[in-house]
mmCIF file of all heavy atoms, coordinates in Angstrom:
data_MODEL
# 
_entry.id   MODEL 
# 
loop_
_atom_site.group_PDB 
_atom_site.id 
_atom_site.type_symbol 
_atom_site.label_atom_id 
_atom_site.label_alt_id 
_atom_site.label_comp_id 
_atom_site.label_asym_id 
_atom_site.label_entity_id 
_atom_site.label_seq_id 
_atom_site.pdbx_PDB_ins_code 
_atom_site.Cartn_x 
_atom_site.Cartn_y 
_atom_site.Cartn_z 
_atom_site.occupancy 
_atom_site.B_iso_or_equiv 
_atom_site.pdbx_formal_charge 
_atom_site.auth_seq_id 
_atom_site.auth_comp_id 
_atom_site.auth_asym_id 
_atom_site.auth_atom_id 
_atom_site.pdbx_PDB_model_num 
ATOM 1   N N   . HIS A 1 1  ? 0.770  -1.186  -0.012 1.00 0.00 ? 1  HIS A N   1 
ATOM 2   C CA  . HIS A 1 1  ? 0.073  0.046   -0.026 1.00 0.00 ? 1  HIS A CA  1 
ATOM 3   C C   . HIS A 1 1  ? 0.868  1.358   0.088  1.00 0.00 ? 1  HIS A C   1 
ATOM 4   O O   . HIS A 1 1  ? 0.493  2.149   -0.695 1.00 0.00 ? 1  HIS A O   1 
ATOM 5   C CB  . HIS A 1 1  ? -0.954 0.054   1.282  1.00 0.00 ? 1  HIS A CB  1 
ATOM 6   C CG  . HIS A 1 1  ? -1.761 1.161   1.290  1.00 0.00 ? 1  HIS A CG  1 
ATOM 7   N ND1 . HIS A 1 1  ? -2.884 1.388   0.483  1.00 0.00 ? 1  HIS A ND1 1 
ATOM 8   C CD2 . HIS A 1 1  ? -1.759 2.270   2.111  1.00 0.00 ? 1  HIS A CD2 1 
ATOM 9   C CE1 . HIS A 1 1  ? -3.506 2.504   0.733  1.00 0.00 ? 1  HIS A CE1 1 
ATOM 10  N NE2 . HIS A 1 1  ? -2.845 3.091   1.719  1.00 0.00 ? 1  HIS A NE2 1 
ATOM 11  N N   . VAL A 1 2  ? 1.985  1.252   0.812  1.00 0.00 ? 2  VAL A N   1 
ATOM 12  C CA  . VAL A 1 2  ? 2.727  2.412   0.919  1.00 0.00 ? 2  VAL A CA  1 
ATOM 13  C C   . VAL A 1 2  ? 3.848  2.570   -0.151 1.00 0.00 ? 2  VAL A C   1 
ATOM 14  O O   . VAL A 1 2  ? 4.453  3.571   -0.398 1.00 0.00 ? 2  VAL A O   1 
ATOM 15  C CB  . VAL A 1 2  ? 3.339  2.603   2.197  1.00 0.00 ? 2  VAL A CB  1 
ATOM 16  C CG1 . VAL A 1 2  ? 2.240  2.858   3.248  1.00 0.00 ? 2  VAL A CG1 1 
ATOM 17  C CG2 . VAL A 1 2  ? 4.273  1.524   2.727  1.00 0.00 ? 2  VAL A CG2 1 
ATOM 18  N N   . ALA A 1 3  ? 4.258  1.354   -0.749 1.00 0.00 ? 3  ALA A N   1 
ATOM 19  C CA  . ALA A 1 3  ? 5.229  1.201   -1.844 1.00 0.00 ? 3  ALA A CA  1 
ATOM 20  C C   . ALA A 1 3  ? 4.658  0.562   -3.047 1.00 0.00 ? 3  ALA A C   1 
ATOM 21  O O   . ALA A 1 3  ? 5.067  -0.526  -3.411 1.00 0.00 ? 3  ALA A O   1 
ATOM 22  C CB  . ALA A 1 3  ? 6.453  0.592   -1.247 1.00 0.00 ? 3  ALA A CB  1 
ATOM 23  N N   . ALA A 1 4  ? 3.656  1.283   -3.624 1.00 0.00 ? 4  ALA A N   1 
ATOM 24  C CA  . ALA A 1 4  ? 2.761  0.592   -4.618 1.00 0.00 ? 4  ALA A CA  1 
ATOM 25  C C   . ALA A 1 4  ? 3.596  0.137   -5.847 1.00 0.00 ? 4  ALA A C   1 
ATOM 26  O O   . ALA A 1 4  ? 3.298  -0.785  -6.565 1.00 0.00 ? 4  ALA A O   1 
ATOM 27  C CB  . ALA A 1 4  ? 1.690  1.484   -5.072 1.00 0.00 ? 4  ALA A CB  1 
ATOM 28  N N   . ASP A 1 5  ? 4.805  0.808   -6.069 1.00 0.00 ? 5  ASP A N   1 
ATOM 29  C CA  . ASP A 1 5  ? 5.595  0.494   -7.280 1.00 0.00 ? 5  ASP A CA  1 
ATOM 30  C C   . ASP A 1 5  ? 6.675  -0.448  -7.080 1.00 0.00 ? 5  ASP A C   1 
ATOM 31  O O   . ASP A 1 5  ? 7.500  -0.750  -7.847 1.00 0.00 ? 5  ASP A O   1 
ATOM 32  C CB  . ASP A 1 5  ? 6.241  1.841   -7.968 1.00 0.00 ? 5  ASP A CB  1 
ATOM 33  C CG  . ASP A 1 5  ? 7.163  2.482   -6.835 1.00 0.00 ? 5  ASP A CG  1 
ATOM 34  O OD1 . ASP A 1 5  ? 6.956  2.225   -5.627 1.00 0.00 ? 5  ASP A OD1 1 
ATOM 35  O OD2 . ASP A 1 5  ? 8.086  3.256   -7.203 1.00 0.00 ? 5  ASP A OD2 1 
ATOM 36  N N   . ALA A 1 6  ? 6.753  -1.121  -5.798 1.00 0.00 ? 6  ALA A N   1 
ATOM 37  C CA  . ALA A 1 6  ? 7.723  -2.024  -5.405 1.00 0.00 ? 6  ALA A CA  1 
ATOM 38  C C   . ALA A 1 6  ? 7.264  -3.458  -5.595 1.00 0.00 ? 6  ALA A C   1 
ATOM 39  O O   . ALA A 1 6  ? 6.011  -3.710  -5.644 1.00 0.00 ? 6  ALA A O   1 
ATOM 40  C CB  . ALA A 1 6  ? 8.068  -1.768  -4.051 1.00 0.00 ? 6  ALA A CB  1 
ATOM 41  N N   . GLU A 1 7  ? 8.142  -4.376  -5.753 1.00 0.00 ? 7  GLU A N   1 
ATOM 42  C CA  . GLU A 1 7  ? 7.892  -5.878  -5.690 1.00 0.00 ? 7  GLU A CA  1 
ATOM 43  C C   . GLU A 1 7  ? 8.096  -6.296  -4.332 1.00 0.00 ? 7  GLU A C   1 
ATOM 44  O O   . GLU A 1 7  ? 9.177  -6.209  -3.781 1.00 0.00 ? 7  GLU A O   1 
ATOM 45  C CB  . GLU A 1 7  ? 8.929  -6.616  -6.544 1.00 0.00 ? 7  GLU A CB  1 
ATOM 46  C CG  . GLU A 1 7  ? 8.879  -8.058  -6.508 1.00 0.00 ? 7  GLU A CG  1 
ATOM 47  C CD  . GLU A 1 7  ? 10.030 -8.707  -7.293 1.00 0.00 ? 7  GLU A CD  1 
ATOM 48  O OE1 . GLU A 1 7  ? 10.303 -8.383  -8.296 1.00 0.00 ? 7  GLU A OE1 1 
ATOM 49  O OE2 . GLU A 1 7  ? 10.548 -9.730  -6.685 1.00 0.00 ? 7  GLU A OE2 1 
ATOM 50  N N   . VAL A 1 8  ? 7.014  -6.658  -3.603 1.00 0.00 ? 8  VAL A N   1 
ATOM 51  C CA  . VAL A 1 8  ? 7.140  -7.172  -2.160 1.00 0.00 ? 8  VAL A CA  1 
ATOM 52  C C   . VAL A 1 8  ? 6.961  -8.585  -2.194 1.00 0.00 ? 8  VAL A C   1 
ATOM 53  O O   . VAL A 1 8  ? 5.914  -9.133  -2.743 1.00 0.00 ? 8  VAL A O   1 
ATOM 54  C CB  . VAL A 1 8  ? 6.024  -6.457  -1.399 1.00 0.00 ? 8  VAL A CB  1 
ATOM 55  C CG1 . VAL A 1 8  ? 5.971  -6.923  0.093  1.00 0.00 ? 8  VAL A CG1 1 
ATOM 56  C CG2 . VAL A 1 8  ? 6.010  -4.801  -1.470 1.00 0.00 ? 8  VAL A CG2 1 
ATOM 57  N N   . ARG A 1 9  ? 7.833  -9.261  -1.519 1.00 0.00 ? 9  ARG A N   1 
ATOM 58  C CA  . ARG A 1 9  ? 7.791  -10.720 -1.398 1.00 0.00 ? 9  ARG A CA  1 
ATOM 59  C C   . ARG A 1 9  ? 8.050  -11.240 0.070  1.00 0.00 ? 9  ARG A C   1 
ATOM 60  O O   . ARG A 1 9  ? 8.980  -10.715 0.664  1.00 0.00 ? 9  ARG A O   1 
ATOM 61  C CB  . ARG A 1 9  ? 8.856  -11.297 -2.317 1.00 0.00 ? 9  ARG A CB  1 
ATOM 62  C CG  . ARG A 1 9  ? 8.829  -12.863 -2.332 1.00 0.00 ? 9  ARG A CG  1 
ATOM 63  C CD  . ARG A 1 9  ? 9.913  -13.456 -3.260 1.00 0.00 ? 9  ARG A CD  1 
ATOM 64  N NE  . ARG A 1 9  ? 9.812  -13.035 -4.551 1.00 0.00 ? 9  ARG A NE  1 
ATOM 65  C CZ  . ARG A 1 9  ? 10.661 -13.431 -5.562 1.00 0.00 ? 9  ARG A CZ  1 
ATOM 66  N NH1 . ARG A 1 9  ? 11.622 -14.259 -5.216 1.00 0.00 ? 9  ARG A NH1 1 
ATOM 67  N NH2 . ARG A 1 9  ? 10.463 -12.935 -6.808 1.00 0.00 ? 9  ARG A NH2 1 
ATOM 68  N N   . ILE A 1 10 ? 7.171  -12.033 0.502  1.00 0.00 ? 10 ILE A N   1 
ATOM 69  C CA  . ILE A 1 10 ? 7.246  -12.683 1.770  1.00 0.00 ? 10 ILE A CA  1 
ATOM 70  C C   . ILE A 1 10 ? 8.280  -13.895 1.509  1.00 0.00 ? 10 ILE A C   1 
ATOM 71  O O   . ILE A 1 10 ? 7.949  -14.711 0.682  1.00 0.00 ? 10 ILE A O   1 
ATOM 72  C CB  . ILE A 1 10 ? 5.996  -13.238 2.367  1.00 0.00 ? 10 ILE A CB  1 
ATOM 73  C CG1 . ILE A 1 10 ? 4.942  -12.084 2.497  1.00 0.00 ? 10 ILE A CG1 1 
ATOM 74  C CG2 . ILE A 1 10 ? 6.260  -14.067 3.562  1.00 0.00 ? 10 ILE A CG2 1 
ATOM 75  C CD1 . ILE A 1 10 ? 3.553  -12.482 2.864  1.00 0.00 ? 10 ILE A CD1 1 
ATOM 76  N N   . THR A 1 11 ? 9.313  -13.920 2.126  1.00 0.00 ? 11 THR A N   1 
ATOM 77  C CA  . THR A 1 11 ? 10.382 -14.962 1.775  1.00 0.00 ? 11 THR A CA  1 
ATOM 78  C C   . THR A 1 11 ? 11.341 -15.227 2.882  1.00 0.00 ? 11 THR A C   1 
ATOM 79  O O   . THR A 1 11 ? 11.516 -14.529 3.854  1.00 0.00 ? 11 THR A O   1 
ATOM 80  C CB  . THR A 1 11 ? 11.290 -14.335 0.585  1.00 0.00 ? 11 THR A CB  1 
ATOM 81  O OG1 . THR A 1 11 ? 12.130 -15.338 0.225  1.00 0.00 ? 11 THR A OG1 1 
ATOM 82  C CG2 . THR A 1 11 ? 12.000 -13.134 0.994  1.00 0.00 ? 11 THR A CG2 1 
ATOM 83  N N   . ASP A 1 12 ? 11.867 -16.493 2.734  1.00 0.00 ? 12 ASP A N   1 
ATOM 84  C CA  . ASP A 1 12 ? 13.036 -16.882 3.599  1.00 0.00 ? 12 ASP A CA  1 
ATOM 85  C C   . ASP A 1 12 ? 14.230 -17.257 2.746  1.00 0.00 ? 12 ASP A C   1 
ATOM 86  O O   . ASP A 1 12 ? 15.181 -17.969 3.184  1.00 0.00 ? 12 ASP A O   1 
ATOM 87  C CB  . ASP A 1 12 ? 12.712 -18.043 4.653  1.00 0.00 ? 12 ASP A CB  1 
ATOM 88  C CG  . ASP A 1 12 ? 12.246 -19.285 3.925  1.00 0.00 ? 12 ASP A CG  1 
ATOM 89  O OD1 . ASP A 1 12 ? 12.199 -19.311 2.762  1.00 0.00 ? 12 ASP A OD1 1 
ATOM 90  O OD2 . ASP A 1 12 ? 12.055 -20.362 4.647  1.00 0.00 ? 12 ASP A OD2 1 
ATOM 91  N N   . ASP A 1 13 ? 14.148 -16.835 1.543  1.00 0.00 ? 13 ASP A N   1 
ATOM 92  C CA  . ASP A 1 13 ? 15.183 -17.144 0.428  1.00 0.00 ? 13 ASP A CA  1 
ATOM 93  C C   . ASP A 1 13 ? 16.414 -16.180 0.725  1.00 0.00 ? 13 ASP A C   1 
ATOM 94  O O   . ASP A 1 13 ? 16.247 -14.943 0.532  1.00 0.00 ? 13 ASP A O   1 
ATOM 95  C CB  . ASP A 1 13 ? 14.621 -16.937 -0.894 1.00 0.00 ? 13 ASP A CB  1 
ATOM 96  C CG  . ASP A 1 13 ? 15.711 -17.253 -1.936 1.00 0.00 ? 13 ASP A CG  1 
ATOM 97  O OD1 . ASP A 1 13 ? 16.788 -16.676 -1.847 1.00 0.00 ? 13 ASP A OD1 1 
ATOM 98  O OD2 . ASP A 1 13 ? 15.352 -18.082 -2.856 1.00 0.00 ? 13 ASP A OD2 1 
ATOM 99  N N   . HIS A 1 14 ? 17.511 -16.724 1.195  1.00 0.00 ? 14 HIS A N   1 
ATOM 100 C CA  . HIS A 1 14 ? 18.689 -15.903 1.593  1.00 0.00 ? 14 HIS A CA  1 
ATOM 101 C C   . HIS A 1 14 ? 19.127 -15.032 0.478  1.00 0.00 ? 14 HIS A C   1 
ATOM 102 O O   . HIS A 1 14 ? 19.467 -13.918 0.705  1.00 0.00 ? 14 HIS A O   1 
ATOM 103 C CB  . HIS A 1 14 ? 19.927 -16.754 2.022  1.00 0.00 ? 14 HIS A CB  1 
ATOM 104 C CG  . HIS A 1 14 ? 19.503 -17.470 3.393  1.00 0.00 ? 14 HIS A CG  1 
ATOM 105 N ND1 . HIS A 1 14 ? 20.394 -17.531 4.451  1.00 0.00 ? 14 HIS A ND1 1 
ATOM 106 C CD2 . HIS A 1 14 ? 18.351 -18.136 3.739  1.00 0.00 ? 14 HIS A CD2 1 
ATOM 107 C CE1 . HIS A 1 14 ? 19.839 -18.244 5.377  1.00 0.00 ? 14 HIS A CE1 1 
ATOM 108 N NE2 . HIS A 1 14 ? 18.647 -18.686 4.960  1.00 0.00 ? 14 HIS A NE2 1 
ATOM 109 N N   . LYS A 1 15 ? 19.039 -15.521 -0.810 1.00 0.00 ? 15 LYS A N   1 
ATOM 110 C CA  . LYS A 1 15 ? 19.614 -14.822 -1.943 1.00 0.00 ? 15 LYS A CA  1 
ATOM 111 C C   . LYS A 1 15 ? 18.672 -13.616 -2.282 1.00 0.00 ? 15 LYS A C   1 
ATOM 112 O O   . LYS A 1 15 ? 19.143 -12.524 -2.606 1.00 0.00 ? 15 LYS A O   1 
ATOM 113 C CB  . LYS A 1 15 ? 19.747 -15.636 -3.173 1.00 0.00 ? 15 LYS A CB  1 
ATOM 114 C CG  . LYS A 1 15 ? 20.853 -16.645 -3.177 1.00 0.00 ? 15 LYS A CG  1 
ATOM 115 C CD  . LYS A 1 15 ? 20.943 -17.535 -4.353 1.00 0.00 ? 15 LYS A CD  1 
ATOM 116 C CE  . LYS A 1 15 ? 22.014 -18.577 -4.246 1.00 0.00 ? 15 LYS A CE  1 
ATOM 117 N NZ  . LYS A 1 15 ? 22.226 -19.359 -5.382 1.00 0.00 ? 15 LYS A NZ  1 
ATOM 118 N N   . TYR A 1 16 ? 17.349 -13.856 -2.238 1.00 0.00 ? 16 TYR A N   1 
ATOM 119 C CA  . TYR A 1 16 ? 16.435 -12.810 -2.438 1.00 0.00 ? 16 TYR A CA  1 
ATOM 120 C C   . TYR A 1 16 ? 16.597 -11.693 -1.381 1.00 0.00 ? 16 TYR A C   1 
ATOM 121 O O   . TYR A 1 16 ? 16.533 -10.509 -1.695 1.00 0.00 ? 16 TYR A O   1 
ATOM 122 C CB  . TYR A 1 16 ? 14.922 -13.285 -2.348 1.00 0.00 ? 16 TYR A CB  1 
ATOM 123 C CG  . TYR A 1 16 ? 14.058 -12.159 -2.916 1.00 0.00 ? 16 TYR A CG  1 
ATOM 124 C CD1 . TYR A 1 16 ? 13.688 -12.011 -4.275 1.00 0.00 ? 16 TYR A CD1 1 
ATOM 125 C CD2 . TYR A 1 16 ? 13.446 -11.385 -1.960 1.00 0.00 ? 16 TYR A CD2 1 
ATOM 126 C CE1 . TYR A 1 16 ? 12.894 -11.017 -4.674 1.00 0.00 ? 16 TYR A CE1 1 
ATOM 127 C CE2 . TYR A 1 16 ? 12.674 -10.327 -2.308 1.00 0.00 ? 16 TYR A CE2 1 
ATOM 128 C CZ  . TYR A 1 16 ? 12.317 -10.147 -3.700 1.00 0.00 ? 16 TYR A CZ  1 
ATOM 129 O OH  . TYR A 1 16 ? 11.475 -9.183  -4.214 1.00 0.00 ? 16 TYR A OH  1 
ATOM 130 N N   . ILE A 1 17 ? 16.742 -12.096 -0.122 1.00 0.00 ? 17 ILE A N   1 
ATOM 131 C CA  . ILE A 1 17 ? 16.862 -11.140 0.932  1.00 0.00 ? 17 ILE A CA  1 
ATOM 132 C C   . ILE A 1 17 ? 18.148 -10.367 0.802  1.00 0.00 ? 17 ILE A C   1 
ATOM 133 O O   . ILE A 1 17 ? 18.127 -9.169  0.966  1.00 0.00 ? 17 ILE A O   1 
ATOM 134 C CB  . ILE A 1 17 ? 16.974 -11.907 2.358  1.00 0.00 ? 17 ILE A CB  1 
ATOM 135 C CG1 . ILE A 1 17 ? 15.507 -12.495 2.635  1.00 0.00 ? 17 ILE A CG1 1 
ATOM 136 C CG2 . ILE A 1 17 ? 17.361 -10.951 3.517  1.00 0.00 ? 17 ILE A CG2 1 
ATOM 137 C CD1 . ILE A 1 17 ? 15.618 -13.533 3.790  1.00 0.00 ? 17 ILE A CD1 1 
ATOM 138 N N   . ALA A 1 18 ? 19.254 -10.871 0.401  1.00 0.00 ? 18 ALA A N   1 
ATOM 139 C CA  . ALA A 1 18 ? 20.500 -10.243 0.173  1.00 0.00 ? 18 ALA A CA  1 
ATOM 140 C C   . ALA A 1 18 ? 20.424 -9.319  -0.976 1.00 0.00 ? 18 ALA A C   1 
ATOM 141 O O   . ALA A 1 18 ? 20.959 -8.166  -0.977 1.00 0.00 ? 18 ALA A O   1 
ATOM 142 C CB  . ALA A 1 18 ? 21.681 -11.256 -0.106 1.00 0.00 ? 18 ALA A CB  1 
ATOM 143 N N   . ALA A 1 19 ? 19.626 -9.690  -2.021 1.00 0.00 ? 19 ALA A N   1 
ATOM 144 C CA  . ALA A 1 19 ? 19.530 -8.745  -3.142 1.00 0.00 ? 19 ALA A CA  1 
ATOM 145 C C   . ALA A 1 19 ? 18.494 -7.719  -3.070 1.00 0.00 ? 19 ALA A C   1 
ATOM 146 O O   . ALA A 1 19 ? 18.308 -6.857  -3.932 1.00 0.00 ? 19 ALA A O   1 
ATOM 147 C CB  . ALA A 1 19 ? 19.146 -9.656  -4.424 1.00 0.00 ? 19 ALA A CB  1 
ATOM 148 N N   . ALA A 1 20 ? 17.592 -7.809  -2.028 1.00 0.00 ? 20 ALA A N   1 
ATOM 149 C CA  . ALA A 1 20 ? 16.552 -6.806  -1.755 1.00 0.00 ? 20 ALA A CA  1 
ATOM 150 C C   . ALA A 1 20 ? 17.141 -5.498  -1.459 1.00 0.00 ? 20 ALA A C   1 
ATOM 151 O O   . ALA A 1 20 ? 18.115 -5.213  -0.912 1.00 0.00 ? 20 ALA A O   1 
ATOM 152 C CB  . ALA A 1 20 ? 15.603 -7.301  -0.593 1.00 0.00 ? 20 ALA A CB  1 
ATOM 153 N N   . ASP A 1 21 ? 16.313 -4.371  -1.863 1.00 0.00 ? 21 ASP A N   1 
ATOM 154 C CA  . ASP A 1 21 ? 16.566 -2.952  -1.682 1.00 0.00 ? 21 ASP A CA  1 
ATOM 155 C C   . ASP A 1 21 ? 16.316 -2.674  -0.144 1.00 0.00 ? 21 ASP A C   1 
ATOM 156 O O   . ASP A 1 21 ? 16.940 -1.854  0.414  1.00 0.00 ? 21 ASP A O   1 
ATOM 157 C CB  . ASP A 1 21 ? 15.875 -2.080  -2.564 1.00 0.00 ? 21 ASP A CB  1 
ATOM 158 C CG  . ASP A 1 21 ? 16.371 -2.321  -4.045 1.00 0.00 ? 21 ASP A CG  1 
ATOM 159 O OD1 . ASP A 1 21 ? 17.444 -2.126  -4.320 1.00 0.00 ? 21 ASP A OD1 1 
ATOM 160 O OD2 . ASP A 1 21 ? 15.403 -2.835  -4.839 1.00 0.00 ? 21 ASP A OD2 1 
ATOM 161 N N   . ARG A 1 22 ? 15.228 -3.372  0.274  1.00 0.00 ? 22 ARG A N   1 
ATOM 162 C CA  . ARG A 1 22 ? 14.720 -3.073  1.623  1.00 0.00 ? 22 ARG A CA  1 
ATOM 163 C C   . ARG A 1 22 ? 14.305 -4.445  2.273  1.00 0.00 ? 22 ARG A C   1 
ATOM 164 O O   . ARG A 1 22 ? 13.778 -5.317  1.493  1.00 0.00 ? 22 ARG A O   1 
ATOM 165 C CB  . ARG A 1 22 ? 13.551 -2.160  1.598  1.00 0.00 ? 22 ARG A CB  1 
ATOM 166 C CG  . ARG A 1 22 ? 13.860 -0.864  0.960  1.00 0.00 ? 22 ARG A CG  1 
ATOM 167 C CD  . ARG A 1 22 ? 13.488 0.300   1.858  1.00 0.00 ? 22 ARG A CD  1 
ATOM 168 N NE  . ARG A 1 22 ? 13.570 1.495   1.102  1.00 0.00 ? 22 ARG A NE  1 
ATOM 169 C CZ  . ARG A 1 22 ? 14.605 2.270   1.103  1.00 0.00 ? 22 ARG A CZ  1 
ATOM 170 N NH1 . ARG A 1 22 ? 15.692 1.964   1.699  1.00 0.00 ? 22 ARG A NH1 1 
ATOM 171 N NH2 . ARG A 1 22 ? 14.592 3.501   0.405  1.00 0.00 ? 22 ARG A NH2 1 
ATOM 172 N N   . VAL A 1 23 ? 14.414 -4.586  3.574  1.00 0.00 ? 23 VAL A N   1 
ATOM 173 C CA  . VAL A 1 23 ? 14.137 -5.820  4.257  1.00 0.00 ? 23 VAL A CA  1 
ATOM 174 C C   . VAL A 1 23 ? 13.143 -5.385  5.438  1.00 0.00 ? 23 VAL A C   1 
ATOM 175 O O   . VAL A 1 23 ? 13.521 -4.565  6.222  1.00 0.00 ? 23 VAL A O   1 
ATOM 176 C CB  . VAL A 1 23 ? 15.283 -6.556  4.770  1.00 0.00 ? 23 VAL A CB  1 
ATOM 177 C CG1 . VAL A 1 23 ? 14.871 -7.776  5.626  1.00 0.00 ? 23 VAL A CG1 1 
ATOM 178 C CG2 . VAL A 1 23 ? 16.196 -6.989  3.666  1.00 0.00 ? 23 VAL A CG2 1 
ATOM 179 N N   . VAL A 1 24 ? 12.019 -5.910  5.481  1.00 0.00 ? 24 VAL A N   1 
ATOM 180 C CA  . VAL A 1 24 ? 11.087 -5.732  6.553  1.00 0.00 ? 24 VAL A CA  1 
ATOM 181 C C   . VAL A 1 24 ? 11.150 -6.944  7.513  1.00 0.00 ? 24 VAL A C   1 
ATOM 182 O O   . VAL A 1 24 ? 10.920 -8.064  7.158  1.00 0.00 ? 24 VAL A O   1 
ATOM 183 C CB  . VAL A 1 24 ? 9.673  -5.472  5.998  1.00 0.00 ? 24 VAL A CB  1 
ATOM 184 C CG1 . VAL A 1 24 ? 8.626  -5.411  7.269  1.00 0.00 ? 24 VAL A CG1 1 
ATOM 185 C CG2 . VAL A 1 24 ? 9.569  -4.409  5.146  1.00 0.00 ? 24 VAL A CG2 1 
ATOM 186 N N   . PHE A 1 25 ? 11.407 -6.656  8.732  1.00 0.00 ? 25 PHE A N   1 
ATOM 187 C CA  . PHE A 1 25 ? 11.455 -7.640  9.831  1.00 0.00 ? 25 PHE A CA  1 
ATOM 188 C C   . PHE A 1 25 ? 10.378 -7.423  10.744 1.00 0.00 ? 25 PHE A C   1 
ATOM 189 O O   . PHE A 1 25 ? 10.365 -6.726  11.726 1.00 0.00 ? 25 PHE A O   1 
ATOM 190 C CB  . PHE A 1 25 ? 12.810 -7.396  10.538 1.00 0.00 ? 25 PHE A CB  1 
ATOM 191 C CG  . PHE A 1 25 ? 13.193 -8.193  11.727 1.00 0.00 ? 25 PHE A CG  1 
ATOM 192 C CD1 . PHE A 1 25 ? 12.468 -9.427  11.986 1.00 0.00 ? 25 PHE A CD1 1 
ATOM 193 C CD2 . PHE A 1 25 ? 14.264 -7.896  12.643 1.00 0.00 ? 25 PHE A CD2 1 
ATOM 194 C CE1 . PHE A 1 25 ? 12.842 -10.188 13.079 1.00 0.00 ? 25 PHE A CE1 1 
ATOM 195 C CE2 . PHE A 1 25 ? 14.598 -8.674  13.633 1.00 0.00 ? 25 PHE A CE2 1 
ATOM 196 C CZ  . PHE A 1 25 ? 13.860 -9.749  13.896 1.00 0.00 ? 25 PHE A CZ  1 
ATOM 197 N N   . PRO A 1 26 ? 9.149  -8.082  10.378 1.00 0.00 ? 26 PRO A N   1 
ATOM 198 C CA  . PRO A 1 26 ? 8.021  -7.882  11.163 1.00 0.00 ? 26 PRO A CA  1 
ATOM 199 C C   . PRO A 1 26 ? 8.074  -8.554  12.617 1.00 0.00 ? 26 PRO A C   1 
ATOM 200 O O   . PRO A 1 26 ? 8.724  -9.512  12.791 1.00 0.00 ? 26 PRO A O   1 
ATOM 201 C CB  . PRO A 1 26 ? 7.013  -8.552  10.424 1.00 0.00 ? 26 PRO A CB  1 
ATOM 202 C CG  . PRO A 1 26 ? 7.568  -9.584  9.473  1.00 0.00 ? 26 PRO A CG  1 
ATOM 203 C CD  . PRO A 1 26 ? 9.022  -9.079  9.359  1.00 0.00 ? 26 PRO A CD  1 
ATOM 204 N N   . GLY A 1 27 ? 7.467  -7.931  13.433 1.00 0.00 ? 27 GLY A N   1 
ATOM 205 C CA  . GLY A 1 27 ? 7.447  -8.414  14.928 1.00 0.00 ? 27 GLY A CA  1 
ATOM 206 C C   . GLY A 1 27 ? 6.191  -7.958  15.578 1.00 0.00 ? 27 GLY A C   1 
ATOM 207 O O   . GLY A 1 27 ? 5.652  -6.850  15.216 1.00 0.00 ? 27 GLY A O   1 
# 
């Protein structure tokens, strides 16, 4: 909703996380 132009992925893939521009750590 706040980053409508972004690709948002729920993931535990280490390579995707490392390549991401931003990482959300929900808690």
